[in-house]
Amino acid sequence: MSADPGEHVDATCSRAGCRAPAAWRVEWRNPRIHAADRVKTWAACDEHRDYLRDYLAARDFPVAVRPLVDDTEAIR
């Protein structure tokens, strides 16, 4: 999933079995195998945002959660 800031994106939650529309980007990387500039993104619905973040944080992966489409980033 890749989108320009402010671009409309239709995505479903990355949680196994969930088909809900995503509203969040969970950005993470595994520092043991990814360079600092390599960031992976999962989509998350409101219900699973914290679950996915906590799952990654428990593994000591750097994690950031942002709105799926952040309109403030589109303003230059």
PDB file of N, CA and C in Angstrom:
ATOM      1  N   MET A   1       0.839  -1.162   0.000  1.00  0.00           N
ATOM      2  CA  MET A   1       0.000   0.000   0.000  1.00  0.00           C
ATOM      3  C   MET A   1       0.889   1.233   0.000  1.00  0.00           C
ATOM      4  N   SER A   2       0.759   2.044  -0.993  1.00  0.00           N
ATOM      5  CA  SER A   2       1.541   3.266  -1.066  1.00  0.00           C
ATOM      6  C   SER A   2       0.662   4.355  -1.653  1.00  0.00           C
ATOM      7  N   ALA A   3       0.690   5.509  -1.013  1.00  0.00           N
ATOM      8  CA  ALA A   3      -0.131   6.614  -1.496  1.00  0.00           C
ATOM      9  C   ALA A   3       0.571   7.918  -1.207  1.00  0.00           C
ATOM     10  N   ASP A   4       0.294   8.889  -2.040  1.00  0.00           N
ATOM     11  CA  ASP A   4       0.806  10.224  -1.795  1.00  0.00           C
ATOM     12  C   ASP A   4       0.015  10.836  -0.646  1.00  0.00           C
ATOM     13  N   PRO A   5       0.637  11.673   0.174  1.00  0.00           N
ATOM     14  CA  PRO A   5      -0.089  12.331   1.252  1.00  0.00           C
ATOM     15  C   PRO A   5      -1.300  13.064   0.711  1.00  0.00           C
ATOM     16  N   GLY A   6      -2.428  12.935   1.400  1.00  0.00           N
ATOM     17  CA  GLY A   6      -3.647  13.614   0.994  1.00  0.00           C
ATOM     18  C   GLY A   6      -4.432  12.882  -0.070  1.00  0.00           C
ATOM     19  N   GLU A   7      -3.874  11.829  -0.649  1.00  0.00           N
ATOM     20  CA  GLU A   7      -4.555  11.070  -1.693  1.00  0.00           C
ATOM     21  C   GLU A   7      -5.589  10.147  -1.064  1.00  0.00           C
ATOM     22  N   HIS A   8      -6.750  10.004  -1.697  1.00  0.00           N
ATOM     23  CA  HIS A   8      -7.781   9.101  -1.205  1.00  0.00           C
ATOM     24  C   HIS A   8      -7.318   7.662  -1.422  1.00  0.00           C
ATOM     25  N   VAL A   9      -7.447   6.872  -0.380  1.00  0.00           N
ATOM     26  CA  VAL A   9      -7.008   5.487  -0.439  1.00  0.00           C
ATOM     27  C   VAL A   9      -8.122   4.594   0.086  1.00  0.00           C
ATOM     28  N   ASP A  10      -8.465   3.533  -0.654  1.00  0.00           N
ATOM     29  CA  ASP A  10      -9.380   2.520  -0.166  1.00  0.00           C
ATOM     30  C   ASP A  10      -8.535   1.329   0.218  1.00  0.00           C
ATOM     31  N   ALA A  11      -8.497   1.023   1.505  1.00  0.00           N
ATOM     32  CA  ALA A  11      -7.697  -0.096   1.989  1.00  0.00           C
ATOM     33  C   ALA A  11      -8.488  -0.823   3.065  1.00  0.00           C
ATOM     34  N   THR A  12      -8.197  -2.105   3.215  1.00  0.00           N
ATOM     35  CA  THR A  12      -8.808  -2.873   4.278  1.00  0.00           C
ATOM     36  C   THR A  12      -7.765  -3.158   5.349  1.00  0.00           C
ATOM     37  N   CYS A  13      -8.244  -3.417   6.521  1.00  0.00           N
ATOM     38  CA  CYS A  13      -7.389  -3.674   7.671  1.00  0.00           C
ATOM     39  C   CYS A  13      -6.487  -4.885   7.412  1.00  0.00           C
ATOM     40  N   SER A  14      -5.248  -4.803   7.890  1.00  0.00           N
ATOM     41  CA  SER A  14      -4.280  -5.883   7.718  1.00  0.00           C
ATOM     42  C   SER A  14      -4.425  -6.990   8.760  1.00  0.00           C
ATOM     43  N   ARG A  15      -5.237  -6.801   9.772  1.00  0.00           N
ATOM     44  CA  ARG A  15      -5.444  -7.833  10.795  1.00  0.00           C
ATOM     45  C   ARG A  15      -6.086  -9.055  10.138  1.00  0.00           C
ATOM     46  N   ALA A  16      -5.538 -10.223  10.411  1.00  0.00           N
ATOM     47  CA  ALA A  16      -6.038 -11.462   9.811  1.00  0.00           C
ATOM     48  C   ALA A  16      -7.546 -11.596  10.042  1.00  0.00           C
ATOM     49  N   GLY A  17      -8.265 -11.835   8.950  1.00  0.00           N
ATOM     50  CA  GLY A  17      -9.702 -12.050   9.020  1.00  0.00           C
ATOM     51  C   GLY A  17     -10.547 -10.792   9.046  1.00  0.00           C
ATOM     52  N   CYS A  18      -9.943  -9.637   9.179  1.00  0.00           N
ATOM     53  CA  CYS A  18     -10.700  -8.385   9.229  1.00  0.00           C
ATOM     54  C   CYS A  18     -10.859  -7.827   7.815  1.00  0.00           C
ATOM     55  N   ARG A  19     -12.058  -7.452   7.473  1.00  0.00           N
ATOM     56  CA  ARG A  19     -12.331  -6.855   6.165  1.00  0.00           C
ATOM     57  C   ARG A  19     -12.817  -5.419   6.310  1.00  0.00           C
ATOM     58  N   ALA A  20     -12.656  -4.842   7.482  1.00  0.00           N
ATOM     59  CA  ALA A  20     -13.119  -3.471   7.734  1.00  0.00           C
ATOM     60  C   ALA A  20     -12.253  -2.464   6.981  1.00  0.00           C
ATOM     61  N   PRO A  21     -12.834  -1.339   6.623  1.00  0.00           N
ATOM     62  CA  PRO A  21     -12.047  -0.284   5.976  1.00  0.00           C
ATOM     63  C   PRO A  21     -10.969   0.229   6.934  1.00  0.00           C
ATOM     64  N   ALA A  22      -9.801   0.471   6.394  1.00  0.00           N
ATOM     65  CA  ALA A  22      -8.690   0.981   7.203  1.00  0.00           C
ATOM     66  C   ALA A  22      -8.785   2.494   7.320  1.00  0.00           C
ATOM     67  N   ALA A  23      -8.359   2.989   8.476  1.00  0.00           N
ATOM     68  CA  ALA A  23      -8.308   4.428   8.716  1.00  0.00           C
ATOM     69  C   ALA A  23      -6.917   4.852   9.172  1.00  0.00           C
ATOM     70  N   TRP A  24      -6.030   3.876   9.408  1.00  0.00           N
ATOM     71  CA  TRP A  24      -4.711   4.143   9.978  1.00  0.00           C
ATOM     72  C   TRP A  24      -3.617   3.427   9.213  1.00  0.00           C
ATOM     73  N   ARG A  25      -2.417   4.042   9.234  1.00  0.00           N
ATOM     74  CA  ARG A  25      -1.194   3.406   8.732  1.00  0.00           C
ATOM     75  C   ARG A  25      -0.361   3.043   9.950  1.00  0.00           C
ATOM     76  N   VAL A  26       0.039   1.791  10.035  1.00  0.00           N
ATOM     77  CA  VAL A  26       0.948   1.348  11.086  1.00  0.00           C
ATOM     78  C   VAL A  26       2.287   1.134  10.384  1.00  0.00           C
ATOM     79  N   GLU A  27       3.218   2.049  10.596  1.00  0.00           N
ATOM     80  CA  GLU A  27       4.511   2.023   9.910  1.00  0.00           C
ATOM     81  C   GLU A  27       5.543   1.403  10.842  1.00  0.00           C
ATOM     82  N   TRP A  28       6.285   0.442  10.331  1.00  0.00           N
ATOM     83  CA  TRP A  28       7.226  -0.284  11.182  1.00  0.00           C
ATOM     84  C   TRP A  28       8.383  -0.830  10.371  1.00  0.00           C
ATOM     85  N   ARG A  29       9.391  -1.314  11.100  1.00  0.00           N
ATOM     86  CA  ARG A  29      10.496  -2.010  10.463  1.00  0.00           C
ATOM     87  C   ARG A  29      11.124  -2.962  11.466  1.00  0.00           C
ATOM     88  N   ASN A  30      11.736  -3.983  10.951  1.00  0.00           N
ATOM     89  CA  ASN A  30      12.480  -4.929  11.769  1.00  0.00           C
ATOM     90  C   ASN A  30      13.941  -4.507  11.701  1.00  0.00           C
ATOM     91  N   PRO A  31      14.483  -3.909  12.756  1.00  0.00           N
ATOM     92  CA  PRO A  31      15.845  -3.382  12.689  1.00  0.00           C
ATOM     93  C   PRO A  31      16.913  -4.463  12.512  1.00  0.00           C
ATOM     94  N   ARG A  32      16.563  -5.714  12.775  1.00  0.00           N
ATOM     95  CA  ARG A  32      17.536  -6.797  12.575  1.00  0.00           C
ATOM     96  C   ARG A  32      17.758  -7.111  11.094  1.00  0.00           C
ATOM     97  N   ILE A  33      16.773  -6.805  10.263  1.00  0.00           N
ATOM     98  CA  ILE A  33      16.919  -7.136   8.835  1.00  0.00           C
ATOM     99  C   ILE A  33      16.679  -5.958   7.887  1.00  0.00           C
ATOM    100  N   HIS A  34      16.131  -4.835   8.389  1.00  0.00           N
ATOM    101  CA  HIS A  34      15.845  -3.685   7.534  1.00  0.00           C
ATOM    102  C   HIS A  34      16.735  -2.505   7.902  1.00  0.00           C
ATOM    103  N   ALA A  35      17.246  -1.832   6.887  1.00  0.00           N
ATOM    104  CA  ALA A  35      17.984  -0.578   7.106  1.00  0.00           C
ATOM    105  C   ALA A  35      17.011   0.475   7.639  1.00  0.00           C
ATOM    106  N   ALA A  36      17.538   1.535   8.208  1.00  0.00           N
ATOM    107  CA  ALA A  36      16.710   2.581   8.816  1.00  0.00           C
ATOM    108  C   ALA A  36      15.737   3.220   7.830  1.00  0.00           C
ATOM    109  N   ASP A  37      16.076   3.226   6.552  1.00  0.00           N
ATOM    110  CA  ASP A  37      15.191   3.844   5.563  1.00  0.00           C
ATOM    111  C   ASP A  37      14.147   2.876   5.004  1.00  0.00           C
ATOM    112  N   ARG A  38      14.150   1.636   5.441  1.00  0.00           N
ATOM    113  CA  ARG A  38      13.185   0.629   4.968  1.00  0.00           C
ATOM    114  C   ARG A  38      12.033   0.541   5.961  1.00  0.00           C
ATOM    115  N   VAL A  39      10.885   1.088   5.591  1.00  0.00           N
ATOM    116  CA  VAL A  39       9.713   1.085   6.465  1.00  0.00           C
ATOM    117  C   VAL A  39       8.595   0.317   5.785  1.00  0.00           C
ATOM    118  N   LYS A  40       7.985  -0.587   6.518  1.00  0.00           N
ATOM    119  CA  LYS A  40       6.842  -1.344   6.013  1.00  0.00           C
ATOM    120  C   LYS A  40       5.575  -0.709   6.565  1.00  0.00           C
ATOM    121  N   THR A  41       4.459  -0.899   5.882  1.00  0.00           N
ATOM    122  CA  THR A  41       3.194  -0.300   6.305  1.00  0.00           C
ATOM    123  C   THR A  41       2.094  -1.338   6.328  1.00  0.00           C
ATOM    124  N   TRP A  42       1.381  -1.385   7.435  1.00  0.00           N
ATOM    125  CA  TRP A  42       0.143  -2.158   7.541  1.00  0.00           C
ATOM    126  C   TRP A  42      -0.996  -1.173   7.637  1.00  0.00           C
ATOM    127  N   ALA A  43      -2.142  -1.541   7.101  1.00  0.00           N
ATOM    128  CA  ALA A  43      -3.351  -0.737   7.236  1.00  0.00           C
ATOM    129  C   ALA A  43      -4.125  -1.261   8.446  1.00  0.00           C
ATOM    130  N   ALA A  44      -4.800  -0.360   9.151  1.00  0.00           N
ATOM    131  CA  ALA A  44      -5.547  -0.774  10.338  1.00  0.00           C
ATOM    132  C   ALA A  44      -6.875  -0.041  10.435  1.00  0.00           C
ATOM    133  N   CYS A  45      -7.891  -0.770  10.860  1.00  0.00           N
ATOM    134  CA  CYS A  45      -9.173  -0.143  11.177  1.00  0.00           C
ATOM    135  C   CYS A  45      -9.079   0.401  12.602  1.00  0.00           C
ATOM    136  N   ASP A  46     -10.089   1.144  13.021  1.00  0.00           N
ATOM    137  CA  ASP A  46     -10.076   1.705  14.376  1.00  0.00           C
ATOM    138  C   ASP A  46      -9.972   0.610  15.435  1.00  0.00           C
ATOM    139  N   GLU A  47     -10.689  -0.496  15.226  1.00  0.00           N
ATOM    140  CA  GLU A  47     -10.707  -1.580  16.214  1.00  0.00           C
ATOM    141  C   GLU A  47      -9.346  -2.253  16.390  1.00  0.00           C
ATOM    142  N   HIS A  48      -8.577  -2.396  15.304  1.00  0.00           N
ATOM    143  CA  HIS A  48      -7.327  -3.157  15.366  1.00  0.00           C
ATOM    144  C   HIS A  48      -6.058  -2.304  15.372  1.00  0.00           C
ATOM    145  N   ARG A  49      -6.194  -0.993  15.359  1.00  0.00           N
ATOM    146  CA  ARG A  49      -5.018  -0.111  15.352  1.00  0.00           C
ATOM    147  C   ARG A  49      -4.087  -0.406  16.531  1.00  0.00           C
ATOM    148  N   ASP A  50      -4.620  -0.424  17.735  1.00  0.00           N
ATOM    149  CA  ASP A  50      -3.785  -0.652  18.912  1.00  0.00           C
ATOM    150  C   ASP A  50      -3.238  -2.075  18.944  1.00  0.00           C
ATOM    151  N   TYR A  51      -4.052  -3.052  18.527  1.00  0.00           N
ATOM    152  CA  TYR A  51      -3.596  -4.442  18.499  1.00  0.00           C
ATOM    153  C   TYR A  51      -2.365  -4.592  17.603  1.00  0.00           C
ATOM    154  N   LEU A  52      -2.436  -4.052  16.390  1.00  0.00           N
ATOM    155  CA  LEU A  52      -1.316  -4.179  15.459  1.00  0.00           C
ATOM    156  C   LEU A  52      -0.088  -3.416  15.962  1.00  0.00           C
ATOM    157  N   ARG A  53      -0.305  -2.215  16.495  1.00  0.00           N
ATOM    158  CA  ARG A  53       0.811  -1.451  17.055  1.00  0.00           C
ATOM    159  C   ARG A  53       1.469  -2.210  18.201  1.00  0.00           C
ATOM    160  N   ASP A  54       0.671  -2.726  19.121  1.00  0.00           N
ATOM    161  CA  ASP A  54       1.199  -3.442  20.278  1.00  0.00           C
ATOM    162  C   ASP A  54       1.908  -4.734  19.872  1.00  0.00           C
ATOM    163  N   TYR A  55       1.390  -5.424  18.869  1.00  0.00           N
ATOM    164  CA  TYR A  55       2.014  -6.650  18.360  1.00  0.00           C
ATOM    165  C   TYR A  55       3.451  -6.367  17.902  1.00  0.00           C
ATOM    166  N   LEU A  56       3.626  -5.288  17.164  1.00  0.00           N
ATOM    167  CA  LEU A  56       4.952  -4.924  16.667  1.00  0.00           C
ATOM    168  C   LEU A  56       5.847  -4.373  17.769  1.00  0.00           C
ATOM    169  N   ALA A  57       5.293  -3.543  18.631  1.00  0.00           N
ATOM    170  CA  ALA A  57       6.078  -2.960  19.719  1.00  0.00           C
ATOM    171  C   ALA A  57       6.576  -4.039  20.679  1.00  0.00           C
ATOM    172  N   ALA A  58       5.807  -5.099  20.879  1.00  0.00           N
ATOM    173  CA  ALA A  58       6.217  -6.194  21.762  1.00  0.00           C
ATOM    174  C   ALA A  58       7.455  -6.905  21.235  1.00  0.00           C
ATOM    175  N   ARG A  59       7.708  -6.771  19.939  1.00  0.00           N
ATOM    176  CA  ARG A  59       8.883  -7.369  19.307  1.00  0.00           C
ATOM    177  C   ARG A  59      10.031  -6.372  19.190  1.00  0.00           C
ATOM    178  N   ASP A  60       9.871  -5.235  19.845  1.00  0.00           N
ATOM    179  CA  ASP A  60      10.876  -4.159  19.832  1.00  0.00           C
ATOM    180  C   ASP A  60      11.118  -3.579  18.448  1.00  0.00           C
ATOM    181  N   PHE A  61      10.089  -3.598  17.603  1.00  0.00           N
ATOM    182  CA  PHE A  61      10.190  -2.967  16.295  1.00  0.00           C
ATOM    183  C   PHE A  61       9.812  -1.500  16.442  1.00  0.00           C
ATOM    184  N   PRO A  62      10.541  -0.586  15.807  1.00  0.00           N
ATOM    185  CA  PRO A  62      10.104   0.812  15.790  1.00  0.00           C
ATOM    186  C   PRO A  62       8.750   0.907  15.074  1.00  0.00           C
ATOM    187  N   VAL A  63       7.790   1.570  15.698  1.00  0.00           N
ATOM    188  CA  VAL A  63       6.421   1.644  15.174  1.00  0.00           C
ATOM    189  C   VAL A  63       5.922   3.081  15.253  1.00  0.00           C
ATOM    190  N   ALA A  64       5.225   3.510  14.209  1.00  0.00           N
ATOM    191  CA  ALA A  64       4.533   4.804  14.213  1.00  0.00           C
ATOM    192  C   ALA A  64       3.136   4.573  13.647  1.00  0.00           C
ATOM    193  N   VAL A  65       2.149   5.231  14.231  1.00  0.00           N
ATOM    194  CA  VAL A  65       0.777   5.130  13.742  1.00  0.00           C
ATOM    195  C   VAL A  65       0.351   6.508  13.264  1.00  0.00           C
ATOM    196  N   ARG A  66      -0.145   6.554  12.035  1.00  0.00           N
ATOM    197  CA  ARG A  66      -0.577   7.815  11.432  1.00  0.00           C
ATOM    198  C   ARG A  66      -1.919   7.584  10.736  1.00  0.00           C
ATOM    199  N   PRO A  67      -2.680   8.652  10.549  1.00  0.00           N
ATOM    200  CA  PRO A  67      -3.912   8.487   9.760  1.00  0.00           C
ATOM    201  C   PRO A  67      -3.566   7.941   8.369  1.00  0.00           C
ATOM    202  N   LEU A  68      -4.442   7.118   7.844  1.00  0.00           N
ATOM    203  CA  LEU A  68      -4.203   6.543   6.518  1.00  0.00           C
ATOM    204  C   LEU A  68      -3.987   7.644   5.493  1.00  0.00           C
ATOM    205  N   VAL A  69      -4.814   8.666   5.553  1.00  0.00           N
ATOM    206  CA  VAL A  69      -4.657   9.837   4.702  1.00  0.00           C
ATOM    207  C   VAL A  69      -4.580  11.037   5.621  1.00  0.00           C
ATOM    208  N   ASP A  70      -3.425  11.656   5.667  1.00  0.00           N
ATOM    209  CA  ASP A  70      -3.201  12.800   6.547  1.00  0.00           C
ATOM    210  C   ASP A  70      -3.293  14.075   5.713  1.00  0.00           C
ATOM    211  N   ASP A  71      -4.435  14.745   5.798  1.00  0.00           N
ATOM    212  CA  ASP A  71      -4.648  15.954   5.006  1.00  0.00           C
ATOM    213  C   ASP A  71      -3.666  17.062   5.348  1.00  0.00           C
ATOM    214  N   THR A  72      -3.131  17.070   6.562  1.00  0.00           N
ATOM    215  CA  THR A  72      -2.195  18.135   6.925  1.00  0.00           C
ATOM    216  C   THR A  72      -0.889  17.983   6.148  1.00  0.00           C
ATOM    217  N   GLU A  73      -0.540  16.752   5.744  1.00  0.00           N
ATOM    218  CA  GLU A  73       0.681  16.546   4.965  1.00  0.00           C
ATOM    219  C   GLU A  73       0.528  17.080   3.545  1.00  0.00           C
ATOM    220  N   ALA A  74      -0.713  17.166   3.079  1.00  0.00           N
ATOM    221  CA  ALA A  74      -0.950  17.618   1.707  1.00  0.00           C
ATOM    222  C   ALA A  74      -0.753  19.124   1.575  1.00  0.00           C
ATOM    223  N   ILE A  75      -0.804  19.841   2.690  1.00  0.00           N
ATOM    224  CA  ILE A  75      -0.624  21.285   2.648  1.00  0.00           C
ATOM    225  C   ILE A  75       0.875  21.593   2.613  1.00  0.00           C
ATOM    226  N   ARG A  76       1.302  22.313   1.614  1.00  0.00           N
ATOM    227  CA  ARG A  76       2.736  22.613   1.479  1.00  0.00           C
ATOM    228  C   ARG A  76       2.971  24.094   1.594  1.00  0.00           C
TER     229      ARG A  76
END
